[in-house]
C-alpha atoms as a PDB file:
ATOM      1  CA  UNK A   1     -52.962   2.853 -42.934  1.00  0.00           C
ATOM      2  CA  UNK A   2     -52.269   0.277 -40.277  1.00  0.00           C
ATOM      3  CA  UNK A   3     -50.903  -3.188 -41.047  1.00  0.00           C
ATOM      4  CA  UNK A   4     -52.716  -6.444 -40.251  1.00  0.00           C
ATOM      5  CA  UNK A   5     -51.449  -9.814 -39.085  1.00  0.00           C
ATOM      6  CA  UNK A   6     -54.128 -11.493 -41.220  1.00  0.00           C
ATOM      7  CA  UNK A   7     -52.392 -10.157 -44.309  1.00  0.00           C
ATOM      8  CA  UNK A   8     -49.203 -11.998 -43.394  1.00  0.00           C
ATOM      9  CA  UNK A   9     -48.622 -15.539 -44.609  1.00  0.00           C
ATOM     10  CA  UNK A  10     -45.146 -16.410 -43.330  1.00  0.00           C
ATOM     11  CA  UNK A  11     -43.290 -19.443 -44.583  1.00  0.00           C
ATOM     12  CA  UNK A  12     -40.562 -21.098 -42.539  1.00  0.00           C
ATOM     13  CA  UNK A  13     -38.400 -23.431 -44.661  1.00  0.00           C
ATOM     14  CA  UNK A  14     -38.081 -26.890 -43.155  1.00  0.00           C
ATOM     15  CA  UNK A  15     -34.328 -26.531 -42.782  1.00  0.00           C
ATOM     16  CA  UNK A  16     -34.850 -23.458 -40.584  1.00  0.00           C
ATOM     17  CA  UNK A  17     -37.330 -25.006 -38.137  1.00  0.00           C
ATOM     18  CA  UNK A  18     -34.615 -26.589 -35.992  1.00  0.00           C
ATOM     19  CA  UNK A  19     -32.117 -23.764 -36.571  1.00  0.00           C
ATOM     20  CA  UNK A  20     -34.551 -21.256 -35.039  1.00  0.00           C
ATOM     21  CA  UNK A  21     -34.886 -23.309 -31.853  1.00  0.00           C
ATOM     22  CA  UNK A  22     -33.016 -20.926 -29.546  1.00  0.00           C
ATOM     23  CA  UNK A  23     -33.930 -19.212 -26.247  1.00  0.00           C
ATOM     24  CA  UNK A  24     -36.169 -16.103 -26.401  1.00  0.00           C
ATOM     25  CA  UNK A  25     -34.270 -12.828 -26.759  1.00  0.00           C
ATOM     26  CA  UNK A  26     -34.880 -11.958 -23.102  1.00  0.00           C
ATOM     27  CA  UNK A  27     -32.561 -14.865 -22.191  1.00  0.00           C
ATOM     28  CA  UNK A  28     -29.778 -14.004 -24.665  1.00  0.00           C
ATOM     29  CA  UNK A  29     -27.380 -12.789 -21.994  1.00  0.00           C
ATOM     30  CA  UNK A  30     -28.157 -15.056 -19.039  1.00  0.00           C
ATOM     31  CA  UNK A  31     -25.557 -17.344 -17.509  1.00  0.00           C
ATOM     32  CA  UNK A  32     -24.968 -19.445 -14.421  1.00  0.00           C
ATOM     33  CA  UNK A  33     -23.070 -16.479 -12.964  1.00  0.00           C
ATOM     34  CA  UNK A  34     -26.000 -14.100 -13.475  1.00  0.00           C
ATOM     35  CA  UNK A  35     -28.424 -16.380 -11.629  1.00  0.00           C
ATOM     36  CA  UNK A  36     -28.730 -14.990  -8.091  1.00  0.00           C
ATOM     37  CA  UNK A  37     -29.884 -17.759  -5.724  1.00  0.00           C
ATOM     38  CA  UNK A  38     -32.250 -16.838  -2.916  1.00  0.00           C
ATOM     39  CA  UNK A  39     -30.254 -17.379   0.306  1.00  0.00           C
ATOM     40  CA  UNK A  40     -33.466 -18.624   1.921  1.00  0.00           C
ATOM     41  CA  UNK A  41     -33.858 -21.335  -0.722  1.00  0.00           C
ATOM     42  CA  UNK A  42     -30.712 -23.537  -0.687  1.00  0.00           C
ATOM     43  CA  UNK A  43     -32.075 -25.718  -3.480  1.00  0.00           C
ATOM     44  CA  UNK A  44     -31.516 -22.830  -5.906  1.00  0.00           C
ATOM     45  CA  UNK A  45     -27.747 -22.704  -5.357  1.00  0.00           C
ATOM     46  CA  UNK A  46     -27.661 -26.506  -5.565  1.00  0.00           C
ATOM     47  CA  UNK A  47     -29.561 -26.361  -8.864  1.00  0.00           C
ATOM     48  CA  UNK A  48     -27.030 -23.920 -10.332  1.00  0.00           C
ATOM     49  CA  UNK A  49     -24.164 -26.229  -9.351  1.00  0.00           C
ATOM     50  CA  UNK A  50     -25.900 -29.310 -10.771  1.00  0.00           C
ATOM     51  CA  UNK A  51     -26.799 -27.534 -14.016  1.00  0.00           C
ATOM     52  CA  UNK A  52     -23.213 -26.339 -14.519  1.00  0.00           C
ATOM     53  CA  UNK A  53     -21.870 -29.842 -13.865  1.00  0.00           C
ATOM     54  CA  UNK A  54     -24.404 -31.238 -16.326  1.00  0.00           C
ATOM     55  CA  UNK A  55     -22.859 -29.142 -19.111  1.00  0.00           C
ATOM     56  CA  UNK A  56     -19.546 -30.898 -18.467  1.00  0.00           C
ATOM     57  CA  UNK A  57     -21.259 -34.275 -18.801  1.00  0.00           C
ATOM     58  CA  UNK A  58     -22.747 -33.207 -22.137  1.00  0.00           C
ATOM     59  CA  UNK A  59     -19.317 -32.526 -23.591  1.00  0.00           C
ATOM     60  CA  UNK A  60     -17.942 -35.877 -22.462  1.00  0.00           C
ATOM     61  CA  UNK A  61     -20.939 -37.736 -23.894  1.00  0.00           C
ATOM     62  CA  UNK A  62     -20.611 -36.130 -27.311  1.00  0.00           C
ATOM     63  CA  UNK A  63     -16.919 -37.032 -27.306  1.00  0.00           C
ATOM     64  CA  UNK A  64     -17.846 -40.720 -27.083  1.00  0.00           C
ATOM     65  CA  UNK A  65     -15.624 -43.573 -25.977  1.00  0.00           C
ATOM     66  CA  UNK A  66     -13.128 -45.767 -27.776  1.00  0.00           C
ATOM     67  CA  UNK A  67     -14.470 -49.261 -28.209  1.00  0.00           C
ATOM     68  CA  UNK A  68     -13.085 -52.432 -29.789  1.00  0.00           C
ATOM     69  CA  UNK A  69     -10.672 -51.875 -32.680  1.00  0.00           C
ATOM     70  CA  UNK A  70     -10.428 -48.185 -31.821  1.00  0.00           C
ATOM     71  CA  UNK A  71     -13.955 -47.399 -32.936  1.00  0.00           C
ATOM     72  CA  UNK A  72     -15.741 -44.593 -31.133  1.00  0.00           C
ATOM     73  CA  UNK A  73     -18.964 -45.714 -29.451  1.00  0.00           C
ATOM     74  CA  UNK A  74     -21.778 -43.343 -28.558  1.00  0.00           C
ATOM     75  CA  UNK A  75     -22.939 -43.481 -24.934  1.00  0.00           C
ATOM     76  CA  UNK A  76     -26.483 -42.724 -23.860  1.00  0.00           C
ATOM     77  CA  UNK A  77     -27.439 -39.066 -23.529  1.00  0.00           C
ATOM     78  CA  UNK A  78     -27.881 -37.661 -20.027  1.00  0.00           C
ATOM     79  CA  UNK A  79     -31.136 -36.231 -18.708  1.00  0.00           C
ATOM     80  CA  UNK A  80     -31.850 -33.420 -16.236  1.00  0.00           C
ATOM     81  CA  UNK A  81     -35.276 -32.287 -15.067  1.00  0.00           C
ATOM     82  CA  UNK A  82     -35.666 -28.927 -13.270  1.00  0.00           C
ATOM     83  CA  UNK A  83     -38.861 -28.982 -11.247  1.00  0.00           C
ATOM     84  CA  UNK A  84     -40.269 -25.976  -9.431  1.00  0.00           C
ATOM     85  CA  UNK A  85     -42.928 -23.289  -9.369  1.00  0.00           C
ATOM     86  CA  UNK A  86     -43.287 -20.254 -11.583  1.00  0.00           C
ATOM     87  CA  UNK A  87     -40.683 -17.521 -11.220  1.00  0.00           C
ATOM     88  CA  UNK A  88     -37.867 -19.472  -9.509  1.00  0.00           C
ATOM     89  CA  UNK A  89     -35.457 -19.180 -12.451  1.00  0.00           C
ATOM     90  CA  UNK A  90     -35.833 -22.546 -14.173  1.00  0.00           C
ATOM     91  CA  UNK A  91     -35.825 -21.031 -17.667  1.00  0.00           C
ATOM     92  CA  UNK A  92     -32.786 -18.926 -16.710  1.00  0.00           C
ATOM     93  CA  UNK A  93     -30.928 -22.121 -15.804  1.00  0.00           C
ATOM     94  CA  UNK A  94     -32.165 -23.912 -18.913  1.00  0.00           C
ATOM     95  CA  UNK A  95     -30.946 -21.075 -21.154  1.00  0.00           C
ATOM     96  CA  UNK A  96     -27.620 -21.037 -19.279  1.00  0.00           C
ATOM     97  CA  UNK A  97     -27.174 -24.734 -20.050  1.00  0.00           C
ATOM     98  CA  UNK A  98     -27.960 -24.026 -23.702  1.00  0.00           C
ATOM     99  CA  UNK A  99     -25.459 -21.159 -23.933  1.00  0.00           C
ATOM    100  CA  UNK A 100     -22.719 -23.229 -22.268  1.00  0.00           C
ATOM    101  CA  UNK A 101     -23.217 -26.471 -24.204  1.00  0.00           C
ATOM    102  CA  UNK A 102     -21.294 -27.271 -27.398  1.00  0.00           C
ATOM    103  CA  UNK A 103     -23.015 -26.685 -30.733  1.00  0.00           C
ATOM    104  CA  UNK A 104     -25.180 -27.834 -32.383  1.00  0.00           C
ATOM    105  CA  UNK A 105     -27.900 -27.552 -29.757  1.00  0.00           C
ATOM    106  CA  UNK A 106     -31.606 -26.708 -29.607  1.00  0.00           C
ATOM    107  CA  UNK A 107     -33.963 -24.889 -27.213  1.00  0.00           C
ATOM    108  CA  UNK A 108     -37.745 -24.725 -27.359  1.00  0.00           C
ATOM    109  CA  UNK A 109     -40.918 -25.068 -25.359  1.00  0.00           C
ATOM    110  CA  UNK A 110     -42.661 -28.416 -25.253  1.00  0.00           C
ATOM    111  CA  UNK A 111     -45.330 -27.014 -27.583  1.00  0.00           C
ATOM    112  CA  UNK A 112     -42.713 -25.733 -30.043  1.00  0.00           C
ATOM    113  CA  UNK A 113     -41.062 -29.149 -30.081  1.00  0.00           C
ATOM    114  CA  UNK A 114     -44.310 -30.931 -30.938  1.00  0.00           C
ATOM    115  CA  UNK A 115     -44.942 -28.385 -33.685  1.00  0.00           C
ATOM    116  CA  UNK A 116     -41.485 -28.913 -35.177  1.00  0.00           C
ATOM    117  CA  UNK A 117     -41.999 -32.678 -35.184  1.00  0.00           C
ATOM    118  CA  UNK A 118     -45.410 -32.209 -36.754  1.00  0.00           C
ATOM    119  CA  UNK A 119     -44.036 -29.932 -39.467  1.00  0.00           C
ATOM    120  CA  UNK A 120     -40.947 -32.017 -40.288  1.00  0.00           C
ATOM    121  CA  UNK A 121     -42.308 -35.485 -39.682  1.00  0.00           C
ATOM    122  CA  UNK A 122     -40.942 -37.777 -36.976  1.00  0.00           C
ATOM    123  CA  UNK A 123     -38.051 -39.363 -38.879  1.00  0.00           C
ATOM    124  CA  UNK A 124     -36.834 -36.037 -40.254  1.00  0.00           C
ATOM    125  CA  UNK A 125     -37.017 -34.452 -36.786  1.00  0.00           C
ATOM    126  CA  UNK A 126     -34.907 -37.262 -35.333  1.00  0.00           C
ATOM    127  CA  UNK A 127     -32.411 -36.861 -38.166  1.00  0.00           C
ATOM    128  CA  UNK A 128     -32.163 -33.090 -37.671  1.00  0.00           C
ATOM    129  CA  UNK A 129     -31.739 -33.298 -33.885  1.00  0.00           C
ATOM    130  CA  UNK A 130     -29.643 -36.450 -33.520  1.00  0.00           C
ATOM    131  CA  UNK A 131     -26.314 -34.662 -33.983  1.00  0.00           C
ATOM    132  CA  UNK A 132     -27.105 -32.118 -31.255  1.00  0.00           C
ATOM    133  CA  UNK A 133     -25.281 -32.112 -27.950  1.00  0.00           C
ATOM    134  CA  UNK A 134     -28.419 -31.160 -26.013  1.00  0.00           C
ATOM    135  CA  UNK A 135     -32.136 -30.540 -26.455  1.00  0.00           C
ATOM    136  CA  UNK A 136     -33.515 -28.031 -23.932  1.00  0.00           C
ATOM    137  CA  UNK A 137     -37.289 -28.247 -23.420  1.00  0.00           C
ATOM    138  CA  UNK A 138     -39.037 -25.487 -21.484  1.00  0.00           C
ATOM    139  CA  UNK A 139     -42.503 -25.816 -19.926  1.00  0.00           C
ATOM    140  CA  UNK A 140     -42.669 -29.575 -20.300  1.00  0.00           C
ATOM    141  CA  UNK A 141     -46.327 -30.480 -19.901  1.00  0.00           C
ATOM    142  CA  UNK A 142     -48.237 -33.384 -21.404  1.00  0.00           C
ATOM    143  CA  UNK A 143     -51.854 -32.606 -22.201  1.00  0.00           C
ATOM    144  CA  UNK A 144     -52.929 -35.610 -24.242  1.00  0.00           C
ATOM    145  CA  UNK A 145     -51.793 -39.185 -24.919  1.00  0.00           C
ATOM    146  CA  UNK A 146     -50.839 -38.412 -28.515  1.00  0.00           C
ATOM    147  CA  UNK A 147     -48.285 -35.783 -27.496  1.00  0.00           C
ATOM    148  CA  UNK A 148     -47.038 -38.022 -24.710  1.00  0.00           C
ATOM    149  CA  UNK A 149     -46.267 -40.946 -26.972  1.00  0.00           C
ATOM    150  CA  UNK A 150     -44.791 -38.715 -29.669  1.00  0.00           C
ATOM    151  CA  UNK A 151     -42.393 -36.964 -27.293  1.00  0.00           C
ATOM    152  CA  UNK A 152     -41.559 -40.137 -25.381  1.00  0.00           C
ATOM    153  CA  UNK A 153     -40.575 -41.871 -28.599  1.00  0.00           C
ATOM    154  CA  UNK A 154     -38.604 -38.825 -29.774  1.00  0.00           C
ATOM    155  CA  UNK A 155     -36.635 -38.440 -26.537  1.00  0.00           C
ATOM    156  CA  UNK A 156     -35.950 -42.167 -26.354  1.00  0.00           C
ATOM    157  CA  UNK A 157     -34.547 -42.117 -29.908  1.00  0.00           C
ATOM    158  CA  UNK A 158     -32.451 -38.998 -29.311  1.00  0.00           C
ATOM    159  CA  UNK A 159     -31.125 -40.159 -25.943  1.00  0.00           C
ATOM    160  CA  UNK A 160     -30.014 -43.451 -27.500  1.00  0.00           C
ATOM    161  CA  UNK A 161     -28.067 -41.415 -30.073  1.00  0.00           C
ATOM    162  CA  UNK A 162     -26.193 -39.484 -27.400  1.00  0.00           C
ATOM    163  CA  UNK A 163     -28.357 -36.368 -27.264  1.00  0.00           C
ATOM    164  CA  UNK A 164     -28.708 -35.082 -23.704  1.00  0.00           C
ATOM    165  CA  UNK A 165     -32.128 -33.792 -22.635  1.00  0.00           C
ATOM    166  CA  UNK A 166     -32.884 -30.993 -20.163  1.00  0.00           C
ATOM    167  CA  UNK A 167     -36.449 -30.038 -19.299  1.00  0.00           C
ATOM    168  CA  UNK A 168     -38.291 -27.691 -16.972  1.00  0.00           C
ATOM    169  CA  UNK A 169     -41.817 -27.987 -15.643  1.00  0.00           C
ATOM    170  CA  UNK A 170     -44.068 -27.400 -12.674  1.00  0.00           C
ATOM    171  CA  UNK A 171     -44.865 -31.116 -12.584  1.00  0.00           C
ATOM    172  CA  UNK A 172     -42.566 -33.978 -11.625  1.00  0.00           C
ATOM    173  CA  UNK A 173     -41.911 -36.451 -14.496  1.00  0.00           C
ATOM    174  CA  UNK A 174     -43.832 -39.303 -12.912  1.00  0.00           C
ATOM    175  CA  UNK A 175     -46.836 -37.024 -12.400  1.00  0.00           C
ATOM    176  CA  UNK A 176     -47.064 -35.633 -15.934  1.00  0.00           C
ATOM    177  CA  UNK A 177     -50.614 -36.096 -17.126  1.00  0.00           C
ATOM    178  CA  UNK A 178     -51.677 -37.418 -13.728  1.00  0.00           C
ATOM    179  CA  UNK A 179     -55.418 -37.318 -13.206  1.00  0.00           C
ATOM    180  CA  UNK A 180     -56.181 -36.724 -16.878  1.00  0.00           C
ATOM    181  CA  UNK A 181     -55.826 -39.973 -18.773  1.00  0.00           C
ATOM    182  CA  UNK A 182     -56.055 -43.470 -17.378  1.00  0.00           C
ATOM    183  CA  UNK A 183     -55.102 -45.375 -20.525  1.00  0.00           C
ATOM    184  CA  UNK A 184     -52.448 -47.979 -19.764  1.00  0.00           C
ATOM    185  CA  UNK A 185     -50.422 -47.037 -22.849  1.00  0.00           C
ATOM    186  CA  UNK A 186     -50.307 -43.455 -21.621  1.00  0.00           C
ATOM    187  CA  UNK A 187     -49.185 -44.459 -18.137  1.00  0.00           C
ATOM    188  CA  UNK A 188     -46.494 -46.718 -19.574  1.00  0.00           C
ATOM    189  CA  UNK A 189     -45.116 -43.840 -21.650  1.00  0.00           C
ATOM    190  CA  UNK A 190     -45.111 -41.568 -18.580  1.00  0.00           C
ATOM    191  CA  UNK A 191     -43.011 -44.114 -16.694  1.00  0.00           C
ATOM    192  CA  UNK A 192     -40.611 -44.372 -19.624  1.00  0.00           C
ATOM    193  CA  UNK A 193     -40.181 -40.603 -19.738  1.00  0.00           C
ATOM    194  CA  UNK A 194     -39.525 -40.282 -16.020  1.00  0.00           C
ATOM    195  CA  UNK A 195     -36.699 -42.829 -16.254  1.00  0.00           C
ATOM    196  CA  UNK A 196     -34.767 -40.563 -18.641  1.00  0.00           C
ATOM    197  CA  UNK A 197     -34.316 -37.712 -16.177  1.00  0.00           C
ATOM    198  CA  UNK A 198     -32.446 -36.947 -12.990  1.00  0.00           C
ATOM    199  CA  UNK A 199     -34.816 -34.619 -11.130  1.00  0.00           C
ATOM    200  CA  UNK A 200     -33.575 -31.475  -9.410  1.00  0.00           C
ATOM    201  CA  UNK A 201     -35.979 -29.421  -7.312  1.00  0.00           C
ATOM    202  CA  UNK A 202     -35.783 -25.608  -7.513  1.00  0.00           C
ATOM    203  CA  UNK A 203     -37.775 -24.236  -4.599  1.00  0.00           C
ATOM    204  CA  UNK A 204     -39.244 -20.780  -4.216  1.00  0.00           C
ATOM    205  CA  UNK A 205     -42.600 -19.031  -3.738  1.00  0.00           C
ATOM    206  CA  UNK A 206     -45.329 -21.153  -5.342  1.00  0.00           C
ATOM    207  CA  UNK A 207     -46.982 -19.448  -8.307  1.00  0.00           C
ATOM    208  CA  UNK A 208     -50.347 -20.854  -7.172  1.00  0.00           C
ATOM    209  CA  UNK A 209     -50.185 -18.506  -4.195  1.00  0.00           C
ATOM    210  CA  UNK A 210     -49.770 -15.497  -6.435  1.00  0.00           C
ATOM    211  CA  UNK A 211     -52.826 -13.720  -7.808  1.00  0.00           C
ATOM    212  CA  UNK A 212     -52.687 -12.437 -11.358  1.00  0.00           C
ATOM    213  CA  UNK A 213     -52.735  -8.637 -11.554  1.00  0.00           C
ATOM    214  CA  UNK A 214     -56.091  -7.225 -12.662  1.00  0.00           C
ATOM    215  CA  UNK A 215     -56.519  -6.936 -16.412  1.00  0.00           C
ATOM    216  CA  UNK A 216     -56.502  -3.397 -17.810  1.00  0.00           C
ATOM    217  CA  UNK A 217     -59.794  -2.073 -19.134  1.00  0.00           C
ATOM    218  CA  UNK A 218     -60.172  -2.422 -22.908  1.00  0.00           C
ATOM    219  CA  UNK A 219     -60.091   0.817 -24.893  1.00  0.00           C
ATOM    220  CA  UNK A 220     -62.814   2.093 -27.207  1.00  0.00           C
ATOM    221  CA  UNK A 221     -62.557   1.077 -30.876  1.00  0.00           C
ATOM    222  CA  UNK A 222     -61.874   4.625 -32.094  1.00  0.00           C
ATOM    223  CA  UNK A 223     -59.034   5.032 -29.600  1.00  0.00           C
ATOM    224  CA  UNK A 224     -57.634   1.619 -30.550  1.00  0.00           C
ATOM    225  CA  UNK A 225     -57.425   2.653 -34.208  1.00  0.00           C
ATOM    226  CA  UNK A 226     -55.881   5.989 -33.270  1.00  0.00           C
ATOM    227  CA  UNK A 227     -53.199   4.320 -31.137  1.00  0.00           C
ATOM    228  CA  UNK A 228     -52.394   1.738 -33.815  1.00  0.00           C
ATOM    229  CA  UNK A 229     -52.063   4.366 -36.530  1.00  0.00           C
ATOM    230  CA  UNK A 230     -49.643   6.336 -34.356  1.00  0.00           C
ATOM    231  CA  UNK A 231     -47.083   3.493 -34.286  1.00  0.00           C
ATOM    232  CA  UNK A 232     -45.264   2.702 -37.558  1.00  0.00           C
ATOM    233  CA  UNK A 233     -45.420  -1.006 -38.284  1.00  0.00           C
ATOM    234  CA  UNK A 234     -48.035  -1.777 -35.611  1.00  0.00           C
ATOM    235  CA  UNK A 235     -50.787  -4.225 -36.555  1.00  0.00           C
ATOM    236  CA  UNK A 236     -54.517  -3.835 -35.980  1.00  0.00           C
ATOM    237  CA  UNK A 237     -56.738  -6.888 -36.434  1.00  0.00           C
ATOM    238  CA  UNK A 238     -60.286  -7.932 -35.788  1.00  0.00           C
ATOM    239  CA  UNK A 239     -60.107 -10.659 -33.154  1.00  0.00           C
ATOM    240  CA  UNK A 240     -62.340 -13.133 -35.021  1.00  0.00           C
ATOM    241  CA  UNK A 241     -60.508 -12.570 -38.299  1.00  0.00           C
ATOM    242  CA  UNK A 242     -57.174 -13.178 -36.590  1.00  0.00           C
ATOM    243  CA  UNK A 243     -58.458 -16.379 -34.959  1.00  0.00           C
ATOM    244  CA  UNK A 244     -59.615 -17.597 -38.370  1.00  0.00           C
ATOM    245  CA  UNK A 245     -56.245 -16.706 -39.912  1.00  0.00           C
ATOM    246  CA  UNK A 246     -54.364 -18.602 -37.197  1.00  0.00           C
ATOM    247  CA  UNK A 247     -56.287 -21.746 -38.150  1.00  0.00           C
ATOM    248  CA  UNK A 248     -54.733 -21.565 -41.636  1.00  0.00           C
ATOM    249  CA  UNK A 249     -51.137 -21.418 -40.366  1.00  0.00           C
ATOM    250  CA  UNK A 250     -49.091 -24.167 -38.762  1.00  0.00           C
ATOM    251  CA  UNK A 251     -48.229 -23.002 -35.215  1.00  0.00           C
ATOM    252  CA  UNK A 252     -44.532 -23.282 -36.066  1.00  0.00           C
ATOM    253  CA  UNK A 253     -45.083 -20.154 -38.194  1.00  0.00           C
ATOM    254  CA  UNK A 254     -46.555 -17.971 -35.448  1.00  0.00           C
ATOM    255  CA  UNK A 255     -43.158 -16.603 -34.461  1.00  0.00           C
ATOM    256  CA  UNK A 256     -42.548 -15.510 -38.026  1.00  0.00           C
ATOM    257  CA  UNK A 257     -46.070 -14.046 -38.114  1.00  0.00           C
ATOM    258  CA  UNK A 258     -45.246 -11.463 -35.430  1.00  0.00           C
ATOM    259  CA  UNK A 259     -41.586 -10.992 -36.330  1.00  0.00           C
ATOM    260  CA  UNK A 260     -40.646  -7.309 -36.413  1.00  0.00           C
ATOM    261  CA  UNK A 261     -44.049  -6.109 -35.217  1.00  0.00           C
ATOM    262  CA  UNK A 262     -43.602  -3.284 -32.651  1.00  0.00           C
ATOM    263  CA  UNK A 263     -47.122  -3.523 -31.179  1.00  0.00           C
ATOM    264  CA  UNK A 264     -50.274  -5.601 -31.651  1.00  0.00           C
ATOM    265  CA  UNK A 265     -53.787  -4.138 -31.428  1.00  0.00           C
ATOM    266  CA  UNK A 266     -56.841  -6.410 -31.338  1.00  0.00           C
ATOM    267  CA  UNK A 267     -60.397  -5.219 -31.904  1.00  0.00           C
ATOM    268  CA  UNK A 268     -63.498  -6.949 -30.556  1.00  0.00           C
ATOM    269  CA  UNK A 269     -61.820  -9.400 -28.181  1.00  0.00           C
ATOM    270  CA  UNK A 270     -64.191 -11.936 -26.607  1.00  0.00           C
ATOM    271  CA  UNK A 271     -63.987 -15.380 -24.955  1.00  0.00           C
ATOM    272  CA  UNK A 272     -62.613 -18.067 -27.261  1.00  0.00           C
ATOM    273  CA  UNK A 273     -65.396 -20.185 -28.714  1.00  0.00           C
ATOM    274  CA  UNK A 274     -63.662 -23.545 -28.350  1.00  0.00           C
ATOM    275  CA  UNK A 275     -60.480 -25.318 -27.295  1.00  0.00           C
ATOM    276  CA  UNK A 276     -58.860 -25.316 -30.738  1.00  0.00           C
ATOM    277  CA  UNK A 277     -59.131 -21.523 -30.975  1.00  0.00           C
ATOM    278  CA  UNK A 278     -57.955 -21.132 -27.380  1.00  0.00           C
ATOM    279  CA  UNK A 279     -54.881 -23.327 -27.891  1.00  0.00           C
ATOM    280  CA  UNK A 280     -53.849 -21.359 -30.988  1.00  0.00           C
ATOM    281  CA  UNK A 281     -54.133 -18.167 -28.950  1.00  0.00           C
ATOM    282  CA  UNK A 282     -51.885 -19.740 -26.300  1.00  0.00           C
ATOM    283  CA  UNK A 283     -49.159 -20.287 -28.901  1.00  0.00           C
ATOM    284  CA  UNK A 284     -49.601 -16.767 -30.290  1.00  0.00           C
ATOM    285  CA  UNK A 285     -49.359 -15.325 -26.764  1.00  0.00           C
ATOM    286  CA  UNK A 286     -46.126 -17.269 -26.194  1.00  0.00           C
ATOM    287  CA  UNK A 287     -44.567 -15.985 -29.418  1.00  0.00           C
ATOM    288  CA  UNK A 288     -45.574 -12.376 -28.685  1.00  0.00           C
ATOM    289  CA  UNK A 289     -44.198 -12.734 -25.161  1.00  0.00           C
ATOM    290  CA  UNK A 290     -40.913 -14.127 -26.477  1.00  0.00           C
ATOM    291  CA  UNK A 291     -40.644 -11.035 -28.693  1.00  0.00           C
ATOM    292  CA  UNK A 292     -41.849  -8.613 -25.952  1.00  0.00           C
ATOM    293  CA  UNK A 293     -44.605  -7.176 -28.176  1.00  0.00           C
ATOM    294  CA  UNK A 294     -47.076  -4.838 -26.401  1.00  0.00           C
ATOM    295  CA  UNK A 295     -50.752  -5.797 -26.780  1.00  0.00           C
ATOM    296  CA  UNK A 296     -53.764  -3.444 -26.590  1.00  0.00           C
ATOM    297  CA  UNK A 297     -57.379  -4.536 -27.070  1.00  0.00           C
ATOM    298  CA  UNK A 298     -60.959  -3.408 -27.341  1.00  0.00           C
ATOM    299  CA  UNK A 299     -63.945  -5.527 -26.388  1.00  0.00           C
ATOM    300  CA  UNK A 300     -63.454  -7.972 -23.507  1.00  0.00           C
ATOM    301  CA  UNK A 301     -60.570  -7.938 -21.036  1.00  0.00           C
ATOM    302  CA  UNK A 302     -57.553 -10.124 -21.715  1.00  0.00           C
ATOM    303  CA  UNK A 303     -58.302 -12.311 -18.698  1.00  0.00           C
ATOM    304  CA  UNK A 304     -61.697 -13.203 -20.177  1.00  0.00           C
ATOM    305  CA  UNK A 305     -60.398 -14.923 -23.323  1.00  0.00           C
ATOM    306  CA  UNK A 306     -60.254 -18.332 -21.653  1.00  0.00           C
ATOM    307  CA  UNK A 307     -63.594 -19.319 -20.139  1.00  0.00           C
ATOM    308  CA  UNK A 308     -64.046 -20.726 -16.605  1.00  0.00           C
ATOM    309  CA  UNK A 309     -64.827 -24.100 -18.184  1.00  0.00           C
ATOM    310  CA  UNK A 310     -61.522 -24.034 -20.043  1.00  0.00           C
ATOM    311  CA  UNK A 311     -59.617 -23.025 -16.918  1.00  0.00           C
ATOM    312  CA  UNK A 312     -61.151 -25.984 -15.083  1.00  0.00           C
ATOM    313  CA  UNK A 313     -59.984 -28.479 -17.700  1.00  0.00           C
ATOM    314  CA  UNK A 314     -56.786 -30.303 -18.604  1.00  0.00           C
ATOM    315  CA  UNK A 315     -55.207 -27.283 -20.311  1.00  0.00           C
ATOM    316  CA  UNK A 316     -55.508 -25.089 -17.220  1.00  0.00           C
ATOM    317  CA  UNK A 317     -51.762 -24.456 -16.882  1.00  0.00           C
ATOM    318  CA  UNK A 318     -51.477 -23.408 -20.515  1.00  0.00           C
ATOM    319  CA  UNK A 319     -54.377 -20.962 -20.228  1.00  0.00           C
ATOM    320  CA  UNK A 320     -53.159 -19.457 -16.960  1.00  0.00           C
ATOM    321  CA  UNK A 321     -49.677 -18.975 -18.395  1.00  0.00           C
ATOM    322  CA  UNK A 322     -51.084 -17.369 -21.545  1.00  0.00           C
ATOM    323  CA  UNK A 323     -53.301 -15.052 -19.486  1.00  0.00           C
ATOM    324  CA  UNK A 324     -50.373 -14.029 -17.293  1.00  0.00           C
ATOM    325  CA  UNK A 325     -48.253 -13.308 -20.353  1.00  0.00           C
ATOM    326  CA  UNK A 326     -50.965 -11.341 -22.146  1.00  0.00           C
ATOM    327  CA  UNK A 327     -51.490  -9.211 -19.041  1.00  0.00           C
ATOM    328  CA  UNK A 328     -47.742  -8.569 -18.883  1.00  0.00           C
ATOM    329  CA  UNK A 329     -47.709  -7.553 -22.543  1.00  0.00           C
ATOM    330  CA  UNK A 330     -50.677  -5.231 -21.975  1.00  0.00           C
ATOM    331  CA  UNK A 331     -48.517  -3.245 -19.537  1.00  0.00           C
ATOM    332  CA  UNK A 332     -45.542  -2.823 -21.839  1.00  0.00           C
ATOM    333  CA  UNK A 333     -44.866   0.739 -22.900  1.00  0.00           C
ATOM    334  CA  UNK A 334     -45.750   1.471 -26.519  1.00  0.00           C
ATOM    335  CA  UNK A 335     -43.622   4.142 -28.181  1.00  0.00           C
ATOM    336  CA  UNK A 336     -45.589   6.274 -30.647  1.00  0.00           C
ATOM    337  CA  UNK A 337     -43.939   7.312 -33.885  1.00  0.00           C
END
């Protein structure tokens, strides 16, 4: 009998939420030395040099300075922003900074960070992170004013306590949220955020010029069940039931939800009915991608989950990234038992 994700109700203790903020396993072994700059893109070699130098600054900041009467004062944390298209190695550099920086330290996507703050509460999150040497934020993208103000306040607090901040994104800091929200409070927070970072450009082929590979054809339901039953520990879920189950779990638990699962099979896939469902699926796709879990479906193709209307809206980047990752996972080899 196959297992089901909907039967799992993982619990992540509050004291583990920050401790589990580390790079995905695929970046466990990366380093500045293993980053191979494109000789045709000089900004890549410059980015490696700047990132390595930034690690040295982190150590000096955490050491503090001697003030009056021999007391150690805490200088402001440093900030580095790696801007560039998809596939130029920004996450590689971000993980290299994490691995090289002194402990304690934290690494997570922008979405993961907002989920941790939501689960812990703002003051507790600041308390847990304030003794860190660096906070590494991957895929920094602001989709609504609430997240903007939350993260802006968090980074301002942490930076003032000597925590250095490194972020990656496809959007320059001053342009985050541009064209989406005109509220003056939002724009003021954007300006505040951009002042935290020194921006380094990492050039390379623009992801917008790359077409996604065609989605594989879904399999028939009977074949889906047969494949799932052939893999010990694989899960087989009805798509609608899984979407409903995700709504009962805080997104910070999604990683635990798929922990140890060798393959995921989804039956009856169809376009997401609304944004809330779609955004939960984005987080699930990220966590499955981090764990390199193969995905096989019946019903609609994986590139049909997010509707054209969704792809034309403010969460376009999230949906395109999730689609790309799901398609990659659909091509992973699944080893039968």
